[in-house]
Amino acid sequence: MQQITRSIYLVDKGEVVTLEIQAIKVGNFASFVVDGKSIDPISSTPLTFQFTVALSQGQAHHGMITCFFPKTAPDDAEFDVFVSGSGGGGKFTGSDILKSDASWTRAIEFRRPH
């Protein structure tokens, strides 16, 4: 896996992508969808999701992270996003989601290069 931006990654066919959402000062109120399909978490500490890349060259998986902050969550509550792949490249920092953000969703894209 290679990180292009905090929301775009290059992946290989068959690579297992792991997305972690670490809740800070808030509960695990987050979900992850890939290509319209909800992904079930494999762990809750931190909230962790996995899926396998199933694309031809030049195609992309489109994901959406959705978080929620209850009114009782402190103003400095946030969700930190980390992305890694079984093909190596390291653990990358994705787009953080802060309670003060206008939107509590983040698009994320996993591309297979040509």
PDB file of N, CA and C in Angstrom:
ATOM      1  N   MET A   1       0.848  -1.180   0.000  1.00  0.00           N
ATOM      2  CA  MET A   1       0.000   0.000   0.000  1.00  0.00           C
ATOM      3  C   MET A   1       0.891   1.240   0.000  1.00  0.00           C
ATOM      4  N   GLN A   2       0.397   2.231  -0.705  1.00  0.00           N
ATOM      5  CA  GLN A   2       1.086   3.512  -0.756  1.00  0.00           C
ATOM      6  C   GLN A   2       0.069   4.623  -0.514  1.00  0.00           C
ATOM      7  N   GLN A   3       0.420   5.579   0.337  1.00  0.00           N
ATOM      8  CA  GLN A   3      -0.466   6.705   0.617  1.00  0.00           C
ATOM      9  C   GLN A   3      -0.164   7.842  -0.355  1.00  0.00           C
ATOM     10  N   ILE A   4      -1.209   8.314  -1.058  1.00  0.00           N
ATOM     11  CA  ILE A   4      -1.081   9.462  -1.950  1.00  0.00           C
ATOM     12  C   ILE A   4      -1.477  10.733  -1.185  1.00  0.00           C
ATOM     13  N   THR A   5      -2.635  10.700  -0.543  1.00  0.00           N
ATOM     14  CA  THR A   5      -3.089  11.751   0.362  1.00  0.00           C
ATOM     15  C   THR A   5      -3.679  11.041   1.575  1.00  0.00           C
ATOM     16  N   ARG A   6      -4.199  11.811   2.527  1.00  0.00           N
ATOM     17  CA  ARG A   6      -4.818  11.191   3.710  1.00  0.00           C
ATOM     18  C   ARG A   6      -6.088  10.424   3.350  1.00  0.00           C
ATOM     19  N   SER A   7      -6.585  10.612   2.123  1.00  0.00           N
ATOM     20  CA  SER A   7      -7.825   9.929   1.730  1.00  0.00           C
ATOM     21  C   SER A   7      -7.689   9.091   0.458  1.00  0.00           C
ATOM     22  N   ILE A   8      -6.486   8.996  -0.118  1.00  0.00           N
ATOM     23  CA  ILE A   8      -6.279   8.202  -1.340  1.00  0.00           C
ATOM     24  C   ILE A   8      -5.065   7.289  -1.149  1.00  0.00           C
ATOM     25  N   TYR A   9      -5.272   6.005  -1.457  1.00  0.00           N
ATOM     26  CA  TYR A   9      -4.227   4.995  -1.284  1.00  0.00           C
ATOM     27  C   TYR A   9      -4.130   4.133  -2.535  1.00  0.00           C
ATOM     28  N   LEU A  10      -2.902   3.717  -2.887  1.00  0.00           N
ATOM     29  CA  LEU A  10      -2.689   2.765  -3.971  1.00  0.00           C
ATOM     30  C   LEU A  10      -2.555   1.383  -3.347  1.00  0.00           C
ATOM     31  N   VAL A  11      -3.268   0.402  -3.910  1.00  0.00           N
ATOM     32  CA  VAL A  11      -3.309  -0.951  -3.355  1.00  0.00           C
ATOM     33  C   VAL A  11      -3.103  -1.980  -4.468  1.00  0.00           C
ATOM     34  N   ASP A  12      -2.810  -3.199  -4.071  1.00  0.00           N
ATOM     35  CA  ASP A  12      -2.658  -4.317  -4.999  1.00  0.00           C
ATOM     36  C   ASP A  12      -3.855  -5.241  -4.901  1.00  0.00           C
ATOM     37  N   LYS A  13      -4.152  -5.950  -5.983  1.00  0.00           N
ATOM     38  CA  LYS A  13      -5.239  -6.924  -5.980  1.00  0.00           C
ATOM     39  C   LYS A  13      -4.944  -7.988  -4.923  1.00  0.00           C
ATOM     40  N   GLY A  14      -5.944  -8.312  -4.129  1.00  0.00           N
ATOM     41  CA  GLY A  14      -5.807  -9.319  -3.085  1.00  0.00           C
ATOM     42  C   GLY A  14      -5.244  -8.786  -1.775  1.00  0.00           C
ATOM     43  N   GLU A  15      -4.826  -7.528  -1.760  1.00  0.00           N
ATOM     44  CA  GLU A  15      -4.291  -6.940  -0.539  1.00  0.00           C
ATOM     45  C   GLU A  15      -5.412  -6.789   0.500  1.00  0.00           C
ATOM     46  N   VAL A  16      -5.103  -7.104   1.742  1.00  0.00           N
ATOM     47  CA  VAL A  16      -6.056  -6.934   2.832  1.00  0.00           C
ATOM     48  C   VAL A  16      -5.813  -5.556   3.441  1.00  0.00           C
ATOM     49  N   VAL A  17      -6.830  -4.703   3.378  1.00  0.00           N
ATOM     50  CA  VAL A  17      -6.759  -3.345   3.907  1.00  0.00           C
ATOM     51  C   VAL A  17      -7.330  -3.345   5.323  1.00  0.00           C
ATOM     52  N   THR A  18      -6.596  -2.723   6.245  1.00  0.00           N
ATOM     53  CA  THR A  18      -7.044  -2.577   7.623  1.00  0.00           C
ATOM     54  C   THR A  18      -7.230  -1.098   7.920  1.00  0.00           C
ATOM     55  N   LEU A  19      -8.399  -0.743   8.417  1.00  0.00           N
ATOM     56  CA  LEU A  19      -8.712   0.632   8.781  1.00  0.00           C
ATOM     57  C   LEU A  19      -9.061   0.656  10.263  1.00  0.00           C
ATOM     58  N   GLU A  20      -8.321   1.458  11.036  1.00  0.00           N
ATOM     59  CA  GLU A  20      -8.563   1.592  12.467  1.00  0.00           C
ATOM     60  C   GLU A  20      -9.127   2.976  12.743  1.00  0.00           C
ATOM     61  N   ILE A  21     -10.140   3.035  13.589  1.00  0.00           N
ATOM     62  CA  ILE A  21     -10.716   4.310  14.010  1.00  0.00           C
ATOM     63  C   ILE A  21     -10.601   4.367  15.523  1.00  0.00           C
ATOM     64  N   GLN A  22      -9.704   5.220  15.989  1.00  0.00           N
ATOM     65  CA  GLN A  22      -9.461   5.345  17.423  1.00  0.00           C
ATOM     66  C   GLN A  22     -10.301   6.489  17.979  1.00  0.00           C
ATOM     67  N   ALA A  23     -11.215   6.154  18.871  1.00  0.00           N
ATOM     68  CA  ALA A  23     -12.079   7.140  19.507  1.00  0.00           C
ATOM     69  C   ALA A  23     -11.340   7.776  20.685  1.00  0.00           C
ATOM     70  N   ILE A  24     -11.315   9.108  20.698  1.00  0.00           N
ATOM     71  CA  ILE A  24     -10.643   9.837  21.777  1.00  0.00           C
ATOM     72  C   ILE A  24     -11.674  10.725  22.476  1.00  0.00           C
ATOM     73  N   LYS A  25     -11.898  10.451  23.761  1.00  0.00           N
ATOM     74  CA  LYS A  25     -12.862  11.175  24.600  1.00  0.00           C
ATOM     75  C   LYS A  25     -14.298  11.018  24.114  1.00  0.00           C
ATOM     76  N   VAL A  26     -14.565   9.912  23.404  1.00  0.00           N
ATOM     77  CA  VAL A  26     -15.908   9.611  22.891  1.00  0.00           C
ATOM     78  C   VAL A  26     -15.998   8.096  22.701  1.00  0.00           C
ATOM     79  N   GLY A  27     -17.219   7.563  22.647  1.00  0.00           N
ATOM     80  CA  GLY A  27     -17.408   6.134  22.424  1.00  0.00           C
ATOM     81  C   GLY A  27     -17.135   5.751  20.977  1.00  0.00           C
ATOM     82  N   ASN A  28     -17.209   4.460  20.701  1.00  0.00           N
ATOM     83  CA  ASN A  28     -16.962   3.939  19.346  1.00  0.00           C
ATOM     84  C   ASN A  28     -18.174   4.150  18.441  1.00  0.00           C
ATOM     85  N   PHE A  29     -18.507   5.396  18.190  1.00  0.00           N
ATOM     86  CA  PHE A  29     -19.658   5.732  17.356  1.00  0.00           C
ATOM     87  C   PHE A  29     -19.188   5.994  15.930  1.00  0.00           C
ATOM     88  N   ALA A  30     -18.725   4.932  15.254  1.00  0.00           N
ATOM     89  CA  ALA A  30     -18.201   5.081  13.899  1.00  0.00           C
ATOM     90  C   ALA A  30     -18.542   3.849  13.078  1.00  0.00           C
ATOM     91  N   SER A  31     -18.667   4.061  11.775  1.00  0.00           N
ATOM     92  CA  SER A  31     -18.917   2.947  10.852  1.00  0.00           C
ATOM     93  C   SER A  31     -18.092   3.149   9.592  1.00  0.00           C
ATOM     94  N   PHE A  32     -17.931   2.059   8.826  1.00  0.00           N
ATOM     95  CA  PHE A  32     -17.133   2.086   7.597  1.00  0.00           C
ATOM     96  C   PHE A  32     -17.882   1.315   6.517  1.00  0.00           C
ATOM     97  N   VAL A  33     -18.029   1.946   5.367  1.00  0.00           N
ATOM     98  CA  VAL A  33     -18.719   1.361   4.216  1.00  0.00           C
ATOM     99  C   VAL A  33     -17.755   1.370   3.036  1.00  0.00           C
ATOM    100  N   VAL A  34     -17.720   0.283   2.275  1.00  0.00           N
ATOM    101  CA  VAL A  34     -16.907   0.212   1.055  1.00  0.00           C
ATOM    102  C   VAL A  34     -17.815  -0.173  -0.099  1.00  0.00           C
ATOM    103  N   ASP A  35     -17.818   0.662  -1.128  1.00  0.00           N
ATOM    104  CA  ASP A  35     -18.641   0.419  -2.322  1.00  0.00           C
ATOM    105  C   ASP A  35     -20.100   0.146  -1.959  1.00  0.00           C
ATOM    106  N   GLY A  36     -20.607   0.886  -0.965  1.00  0.00           N
ATOM    107  CA  GLY A  36     -22.002   0.766  -0.554  1.00  0.00           C
ATOM    108  C   GLY A  36     -22.297  -0.370   0.401  1.00  0.00           C
ATOM    109  N   LYS A  37     -21.276  -1.168   0.766  1.00  0.00           N
ATOM    110  CA  LYS A  37     -21.469  -2.317   1.658  1.00  0.00           C
ATOM    111  C   LYS A  37     -20.866  -2.011   3.030  1.00  0.00           C
ATOM    112  N   SER A  38     -21.691  -2.131   4.073  1.00  0.00           N
ATOM    113  CA  SER A  38     -21.228  -1.919   5.437  1.00  0.00           C
ATOM    114  C   SER A  38     -20.231  -3.013   5.819  1.00  0.00           C
ATOM    115  N   ILE A  39     -19.107  -2.608   6.399  1.00  0.00           N
ATOM    116  CA  ILE A  39     -18.077  -3.546   6.831  1.00  0.00           C
ATOM    117  C   ILE A  39     -18.211  -3.736   8.344  1.00  0.00           C
ATOM    118  N   ASP A  40     -18.292  -4.979   8.778  1.00  0.00           N
ATOM    119  CA  ASP A  40     -18.385  -5.269  10.209  1.00  0.00           C
ATOM    120  C   ASP A  40     -17.006  -5.160  10.851  1.00  0.00           C
ATOM    121  N   PRO A  41     -16.921  -4.576  12.048  1.00  0.00           N
ATOM    122  CA  PRO A  41     -15.621  -4.472  12.710  1.00  0.00           C
ATOM    123  C   PRO A  41     -15.111  -5.841  13.151  1.00  0.00           C
ATOM    124  N   ILE A  42     -13.772  -5.992  13.126  1.00  0.00           N
ATOM    125  CA  ILE A  42     -13.144  -7.226  13.607  1.00  0.00           C
ATOM    126  C   ILE A  42     -12.615  -7.045  15.027  1.00  0.00           C
ATOM    127  N   SER A  43     -12.595  -5.793  15.504  1.00  0.00           N
ATOM    128  CA  SER A  43     -12.150  -5.479  16.860  1.00  0.00           C
ATOM    129  C   SER A  43     -12.805  -4.166  17.288  1.00  0.00           C
ATOM    130  N   SER A  44     -12.933  -3.996  18.601  1.00  0.00           N
ATOM    131  CA  SER A  44     -13.515  -2.744  19.100  1.00  0.00           C
ATOM    132  C   SER A  44     -12.499  -1.903  19.872  1.00  0.00           C
ATOM    133  N   THR A  45     -11.266  -2.389  20.014  1.00  0.00           N
ATOM    134  CA  THR A  45     -10.246  -1.639  20.758  1.00  0.00           C
ATOM    135  C   THR A  45      -8.919  -1.631  20.021  1.00  0.00           C
ATOM    136  N   PRO A  46      -8.631  -0.718  19.123  1.00  0.00           N
ATOM    137  CA  PRO A  46      -9.569   0.272  18.597  1.00  0.00           C
ATOM    138  C   PRO A  46     -10.538  -0.365  17.607  1.00  0.00           C
ATOM    139  N   LEU A  47     -11.543   0.397  17.231  1.00  0.00           N
ATOM    140  CA  LEU A  47     -12.507  -0.058  16.238  1.00  0.00           C
ATOM    141  C   LEU A  47     -11.741  -0.343  14.943  1.00  0.00           C
ATOM    142  N   THR A  48     -11.775  -1.594  14.488  1.00  0.00           N
ATOM    143  CA  THR A  48     -10.942  -2.018  13.360  1.00  0.00           C
ATOM    144  C   THR A  48     -11.783  -2.736  12.312  1.00  0.00           C
ATOM    145  N   PHE A  49     -11.562  -2.361  11.050  1.00  0.00           N
ATOM    146  CA  PHE A  49     -12.286  -2.942   9.918  1.00  0.00           C
ATOM    147  C   PHE A  49     -11.273  -3.489   8.926  1.00  0.00           C
ATOM    148  N   GLN A  50     -11.666  -4.557   8.202  1.00  0.00           N
ATOM    149  CA  GLN A  50     -10.814  -5.111   7.149  1.00  0.00           C
ATOM    150  C   GLN A  50     -11.646  -5.477   5.938  1.00  0.00           C
ATOM    151  N   PHE A  51     -11.021  -5.332   4.757  1.00  0.00           N
ATOM    152  CA  PHE A  51     -11.609  -5.849   3.533  1.00  0.00           C
ATOM    153  C   PHE A  51     -10.473  -6.192   2.576  1.00  0.00           C
ATOM    154  N   THR A  52     -10.782  -7.059   1.609  1.00  0.00           N
ATOM    155  CA  THR A  52      -9.792  -7.491   0.624  1.00  0.00           C
ATOM    156  C   THR A  52     -10.033  -6.792  -0.698  1.00  0.00           C
ATOM    157  N   VAL A  53      -8.975  -6.252  -1.273  1.00  0.00           N
ATOM    158  CA  VAL A  53      -9.057  -5.554  -2.558  1.00  0.00           C
ATOM    159  C   VAL A  53      -9.402  -6.556  -3.653  1.00  0.00           C
ATOM    160  N   ALA A  54     -10.468  -6.264  -4.398  1.00  0.00           N
ATOM    161  CA  ALA A  54     -10.926  -7.137  -5.487  1.00  0.00           C
ATOM    162  C   ALA A  54     -11.188  -6.267  -6.715  1.00  0.00           C
ATOM    163  N   LEU A  55     -10.112  -5.745  -7.295  1.00  0.00           N
ATOM    164  CA  LEU A  55     -10.237  -4.800  -8.401  1.00  0.00           C
ATOM    165  C   LEU A  55      -9.311  -5.171  -9.554  1.00  0.00           C
ATOM    166  N   SER A  56      -9.720  -4.774 -10.751  1.00  0.00           N
ATOM    167  CA  SER A  56      -8.828  -4.834 -11.895  1.00  0.00           C
ATOM    168  C   SER A  56      -7.984  -3.571 -11.898  1.00  0.00           C
ATOM    169  N   GLN A  57      -6.934  -3.565 -12.694  1.00  0.00           N
ATOM    170  CA  GLN A  57      -6.093  -2.374 -12.792  1.00  0.00           C
ATOM    171  C   GLN A  57      -6.919  -1.180 -13.240  1.00  0.00           C
ATOM    172  N   GLY A  58      -6.629  -0.026 -12.652  1.00  0.00           N
ATOM    173  CA  GLY A  58      -7.315   1.203 -13.009  1.00  0.00           C
ATOM    174  C   GLY A  58      -8.639   1.433 -12.294  1.00  0.00           C
ATOM    175  N   GLN A  59      -9.072   0.491 -11.471  1.00  0.00           N
ATOM    176  CA  GLN A  59     -10.329   0.638 -10.743  1.00  0.00           C
ATOM    177  C   GLN A  59     -10.055   1.078  -9.306  1.00  0.00           C
ATOM    178  N   ALA A  60     -11.123   1.442  -8.589  1.00  0.00           N
ATOM    179  CA  ALA A  60     -10.981   1.893  -7.202  1.00  0.00           C
ATOM    180  C   ALA A  60     -12.138   1.420  -6.343  1.00  0.00           C
ATOM    181  N   HIS A  61     -11.825   1.145  -5.077  1.00  0.00           N
ATOM    182  CA  HIS A  61     -12.854   0.933  -4.060  1.00  0.00           C
ATOM    183  C   HIS A  61     -13.108   2.293  -3.420  1.00  0.00           C
ATOM    184  N   HIS A  62     -14.389   2.638  -3.222  1.00  0.00           N
ATOM    185  CA  HIS A  62     -14.764   3.909  -2.613  1.00  0.00           C
ATOM    186  C   HIS A  62     -15.349   3.640  -1.235  1.00  0.00           C
ATOM    187  N   GLY A  63     -14.754   4.247  -0.226  1.00  0.00           N
ATOM    188  CA  GLY A  63     -15.201   4.040   1.145  1.00  0.00           C
ATOM    189  C   GLY A  63     -15.718   5.318   1.764  1.00  0.00           C
ATOM    190  N   MET A  64     -16.461   5.147   2.863  1.00  0.00           N
ATOM    191  CA  MET A  64     -16.980   6.287   3.618  1.00  0.00           C
ATOM    192  C   MET A  64     -16.917   5.931   5.102  1.00  0.00           C
ATOM    193  N   ILE A  65     -16.272   6.800   5.859  1.00  0.00           N
ATOM    194  CA  ILE A  65     -16.229   6.686   7.310  1.00  0.00           C
ATOM    195  C   ILE A  65     -17.259   7.667   7.858  1.00  0.00           C
ATOM    196  N   THR A  66     -18.131   7.184   8.733  1.00  0.00           N
ATOM    197  CA  THR A  66     -19.143   8.041   9.344  1.00  0.00           C
ATOM    198  C   THR A  66     -19.013   7.934  10.857  1.00  0.00           C
ATOM    199  N   CYS A  67     -18.939   9.087  11.512  1.00  0.00           N
ATOM    200  CA  CYS A  67     -18.808   9.136  12.965  1.00  0.00           C
ATOM    201  C   CYS A  67     -19.943   9.962  13.561  1.00  0.00           C
ATOM    202  N   PHE A  68     -20.124   9.780  14.860  1.00  0.00           N
ATOM    203  CA  PHE A  68     -21.154  10.535  15.579  1.00  0.00           C
ATOM    204  C   PHE A  68     -20.595  10.965  16.924  1.00  0.00           C
ATOM    205  N   PHE A  69     -20.886  12.198  17.297  1.00  0.00           N
ATOM    206  CA  PHE A  69     -20.508  12.729  18.602  1.00  0.00           C
ATOM    207  C   PHE A  69     -21.772  13.092  19.369  1.00  0.00           C
ATOM    208  N   PRO A  70     -22.048  12.433  20.495  1.00  0.00           N
ATOM    209  CA  PRO A  70     -23.199  12.836  21.305  1.00  0.00           C
ATOM    210  C   PRO A  70     -22.965  14.230  21.890  1.00  0.00           C
ATOM    211  N   LYS A  71     -24.030  14.899  22.253  1.00  0.00           N
ATOM    212  CA  LYS A  71     -23.918  16.243  22.841  1.00  0.00           C
ATOM    213  C   LYS A  71     -23.066  16.234  24.104  1.00  0.00           C
ATOM    214  N   THR A  72     -23.057  15.099  24.801  1.00  0.00           N
ATOM    215  CA  THR A  72     -22.296  15.006  26.056  1.00  0.00           C
ATOM    216  C   THR A  72     -20.795  14.831  25.834  1.00  0.00           C
ATOM    217  N   ALA A  73     -20.353  14.572  24.608  1.00  0.00           N
ATOM    218  CA  ALA A  73     -18.917  14.423  24.326  1.00  0.00           C
ATOM    219  C   ALA A  73     -18.237  15.784  24.464  1.00  0.00           C
ATOM    220  N   PRO A  74     -17.039  15.823  25.040  1.00  0.00           N
ATOM    221  CA  PRO A  74     -16.351  17.113  25.173  1.00  0.00           C
ATOM    222  C   PRO A  74     -16.012  17.703  23.796  1.00  0.00           C
ATOM    223  N   ASP A  75     -15.819  19.005  23.757  1.00  0.00           N
ATOM    224  CA  ASP A  75     -15.560  19.699  22.497  1.00  0.00           C
ATOM    225  C   ASP A  75     -14.270  19.243  21.822  1.00  0.00           C
ATOM    226  N   ASP A  76     -13.313  18.701  22.591  1.00  0.00           N
ATOM    227  CA  ASP A  76     -12.063  18.242  21.992  1.00  0.00           C
ATOM    228  C   ASP A  76     -12.065  16.738  21.678  1.00  0.00           C
ATOM    229  N   ALA A  77     -13.241  16.127  21.663  1.00  0.00           N
ATOM    230  CA  ALA A  77     -13.353  14.714  21.277  1.00  0.00           C
ATOM    231  C   ALA A  77     -13.029  14.576  19.788  1.00  0.00           C
ATOM    232  N   GLU A  78     -12.485  13.417  19.412  1.00  0.00           N
ATOM    233  CA  GLU A  78     -12.143  13.189  18.008  1.00  0.00           C
ATOM    234  C   GLU A  78     -12.023  11.703  17.709  1.00  0.00           C
ATOM    235  N   PHE A  79     -11.978  11.406  16.428  1.00  0.00           N
ATOM    236  CA  PHE A  79     -11.685  10.067  15.933  1.00  0.00           C
ATOM    237  C   PHE A  79     -10.428  10.182  15.078  1.00  0.00           C
ATOM    238  N   ASP A  80      -9.412   9.363  15.379  1.00  0.00           N
ATOM    239  CA  ASP A  80      -8.193   9.310  14.582  1.00  0.00           C
ATOM    240  C   ASP A  80      -8.256   8.073  13.699  1.00  0.00           C
ATOM    241  N   VAL A  81      -7.906   8.234  12.433  1.00  0.00           N
ATOM    242  CA  VAL A  81      -8.009   7.157  11.447  1.00  0.00           C
ATOM    243  C   VAL A  81      -6.612   6.708  11.032  1.00  0.00           C
ATOM    244  N   PHE A  82      -6.405   5.388  11.008  1.00  0.00           N
ATOM    245  CA  PHE A  82      -5.136   4.800  10.581  1.00  0.00           C
ATOM    246  C   PHE A  82      -5.420   3.714   9.546  1.00  0.00           C
ATOM    247  N   VAL A  83      -4.583   3.656   8.509  1.00  0.00           N
ATOM    248  CA  VAL A  83      -4.796   2.730   7.393  1.00  0.00           C
ATOM    249  C   VAL A  83      -3.507   1.955   7.143  1.00  0.00           C
ATOM    250  N   SER A  84      -3.629   0.642   6.918  1.00  0.00           N
ATOM    251  CA  SER A  84      -2.482  -0.188   6.562  1.00  0.00           C
ATOM    252  C   SER A  84      -2.958  -1.286   5.623  1.00  0.00           C
ATOM    253  N   GLY A  85      -1.986  -1.920   4.960  1.00  0.00           N
ATOM    254  CA  GLY A  85      -2.306  -2.993   4.031  1.00  0.00           C
ATOM    255  C   GLY A  85      -1.369  -4.170   4.195  1.00  0.00           C
ATOM    256  N   SER A  86      -1.840  -5.355   3.850  1.00  0.00           N
ATOM    257  CA  SER A  86      -1.033  -6.564   3.986  1.00  0.00           C
ATOM    258  C   SER A  86       0.147  -6.572   3.020  1.00  0.00           C
ATOM    259  N   GLY A  87       0.123  -5.707   2.006  1.00  0.00           N
ATOM    260  CA  GLY A  87       1.223  -5.621   1.044  1.00  0.00           C
ATOM    261  C   GLY A  87       2.385  -4.785   1.542  1.00  0.00           C
ATOM    262  N   GLY A  88       2.286  -4.270   2.772  1.00  0.00           N
ATOM    263  CA  GLY A  88       3.370  -3.476   3.341  1.00  0.00           C
ATOM    264  C   GLY A  88       3.192  -1.996   3.087  1.00  0.00           C
ATOM    265  N   GLY A  89       4.217  -1.231   3.421  1.00  0.00           N
ATOM    266  CA  GLY A  89       4.193   0.211   3.229  1.00  0.00           C
ATOM    267  C   GLY A  89       4.047   0.971   4.521  1.00  0.00           C
ATOM    268  N   GLY A  90       3.649   0.309   5.591  1.00  0.00           N
ATOM    269  CA  GLY A  90       3.534   0.966   6.880  1.00  0.00           C
ATOM    270  C   GLY A  90       2.102   1.240   7.288  1.00  0.00           C
ATOM    271  N   LYS A  91       1.990   1.907   8.419  1.00  0.00           N
ATOM    272  CA  LYS A  91       0.688   2.317   8.957  1.00  0.00           C
ATOM    273  C   LYS A  91       0.565   3.813   8.726  1.00  0.00           C
ATOM    274  N   PHE A  92      -0.442   4.204   7.961  1.00  0.00           N
ATOM    275  CA  PHE A  92      -0.612   5.589   7.552  1.00  0.00           C
ATOM    276  C   PHE A  92      -1.671   6.289   8.399  1.00  0.00           C
ATOM    277  N   THR A  93      -1.471   7.585   8.612  1.00  0.00           N
ATOM    278  CA  THR A  93      -2.454   8.404   9.307  1.00  0.00           C
ATOM    279  C   THR A  93      -3.449   8.941   8.298  1.00  0.00           C
ATOM    280  N   GLY A  94      -4.722   8.639   8.518  1.00  0.00           N
ATOM    281  CA  GLY A  94      -5.784   9.124   7.643  1.00  0.00           C
ATOM    282  C   GLY A  94      -6.330  10.446   8.149  1.00  0.00           C
ATOM    283  N   SER A  95      -7.480  10.836   7.628  1.00  0.00           N
ATOM    284  CA  SER A  95      -8.114  12.103   8.004  1.00  0.00           C
ATOM    285  C   SER A  95      -8.778  11.983   9.376  1.00  0.00           C
ATOM    286  N   ASP A  96      -8.360  12.823  10.306  1.00  0.00           N
ATOM    287  CA  ASP A  96      -8.987  12.853  11.625  1.00  0.00           C
ATOM    288  C   ASP A  96     -10.372  13.484  11.509  1.00  0.00           C
ATOM    289  N   ILE A  97     -11.255  13.097  12.422  1.00  0.00           N
ATOM    290  CA  ILE A  97     -12.611  13.645  12.454  1.00  0.00           C
ATOM    291  C   ILE A  97     -12.816  14.256  13.837  1.00  0.00           C
ATOM    292  N   LEU A  98     -12.995  15.566  13.871  1.00  0.00           N
ATOM    293  CA  LEU A  98     -13.133  16.294  15.122  1.00  0.00           C
ATOM    294  C   LEU A  98     -14.597  16.631  15.388  1.00  0.00           C
ATOM    295  N   LYS A  99     -14.963  16.720  16.663  1.00  0.00           N
ATOM    296  CA  LYS A  99     -16.332  17.097  16.997  1.00  0.00           C
ATOM    297  C   LYS A  99     -16.678  18.463  16.401  1.00  0.00           C
ATOM    298  N   SER A 100     -15.707  19.355  16.336  1.00  0.00           N
ATOM    299  CA  SER A 100     -15.934  20.711  15.822  1.00  0.00           C
ATOM    300  C   SER A 100     -16.015  20.785  14.296  1.00  0.00           C
ATOM    301  N   ASP A 101     -15.726  19.668  13.578  1.00  0.00           N
ATOM    302  CA  ASP A 101     -15.797  19.674  12.110  1.00  0.00           C
ATOM    303  C   ASP A 101     -17.234  19.870  11.635  1.00  0.00           C
ATOM    304  N   ALA A 102     -17.375  20.516  10.493  1.00  0.00           N
ATOM    305  CA  ALA A 102     -18.703  20.729   9.903  1.00  0.00           C
ATOM    306  C   ALA A 102     -19.330  19.405   9.465  1.00  0.00           C
ATOM    307  N   SER A 103     -18.491  18.455   9.055  1.00  0.00           N
ATOM    308  CA  SER A 103     -18.974  17.139   8.613  1.00  0.00           C
ATOM    309  C   SER A 103     -18.275  16.050   9.411  1.00  0.00           C
ATOM    310  N   TRP A 104     -19.035  15.051   9.827  1.00  0.00           N
ATOM    311  CA  TRP A 104     -18.473  13.935  10.575  1.00  0.00           C
ATOM    312  C   TRP A 104     -18.307  12.702   9.691  1.00  0.00           C
ATOM    313  N   THR A 105     -18.134  12.918   8.400  1.00  0.00           N
ATOM    314  CA  THR A 105     -17.877  11.830   7.456  1.00  0.00           C
ATOM    315  C   THR A 105     -16.572  12.118   6.715  1.00  0.00           C
ATOM    316  N   ARG A 106     -15.930  11.052   6.234  1.00  0.00           N
ATOM    317  CA  ARG A 106     -14.730  11.178   5.427  1.00  0.00           C
ATOM    318  C   ARG A 106     -14.784  10.141   4.308  1.00  0.00           C
ATOM    319  N   ALA A 107     -14.585  10.614   3.082  1.00  0.00           N
ATOM    320  CA  ALA A 107     -14.459   9.705   1.942  1.00  0.00           C
ATOM    321  C   ALA A 107     -13.025   9.185   1.926  1.00  0.00           C
ATOM    322  N   ILE A 108     -12.881   7.943   1.475  1.00  0.00           N
ATOM    323  CA  ILE A 108     -11.544   7.337   1.363  1.00  0.00           C
ATOM    324  C   ILE A 108     -11.563   6.457   0.118  1.00  0.00           C
ATOM    325  N   GLU A 109     -10.470   6.471  -0.612  1.00  0.00           N
ATOM    326  CA  GLU A 109     -10.408   5.757  -1.900  1.00  0.00           C
ATOM    327  C   GLU A 109      -9.170   4.868  -1.941  1.00  0.00           C
ATOM    328  N   PHE A 110      -9.374   3.661  -2.437  1.00  0.00           N
ATOM    329  CA  PHE A 110      -8.298   2.677  -2.583  1.00  0.00           C
ATOM    330  C   PHE A 110      -8.202   2.336  -4.069  1.00  0.00           C
ATOM    331  N   ARG A 111      -7.119   2.767  -4.717  1.00  0.00           N
ATOM    332  CA  ARG A 111      -6.961   2.629  -6.172  1.00  0.00           C
ATOM    333  C   ARG A 111      -5.943   1.564  -6.534  1.00  0.00           C
ATOM    334  N   ARG A 112      -6.257   0.828  -7.609  1.00  0.00           N
ATOM    335  CA  ARG A 112      -5.280  -0.048  -8.239  1.00  0.00           C
ATOM    336  C   ARG A 112      -4.706   0.696  -9.422  1.00  0.00           C
ATOM    337  N   PRO A 113      -3.396   0.921  -9.435  1.00  0.00           N
ATOM    338  CA  PRO A 113      -2.812   1.665 -10.553  1.00  0.00           C
ATOM    339  C   PRO A 113      -2.911   0.889 -11.860  1.00  0.00           C
ATOM    340  N   HIS A 114      -2.762   1.604 -12.975  1.00  0.00           N
ATOM    341  CA  HIS A 114      -2.788   0.992 -14.322  1.00  0.00           C
ATOM    342  C   HIS A 114      -1.551   0.148 -14.523  1.00  0.00           C
TER     343      HIS A 114
END
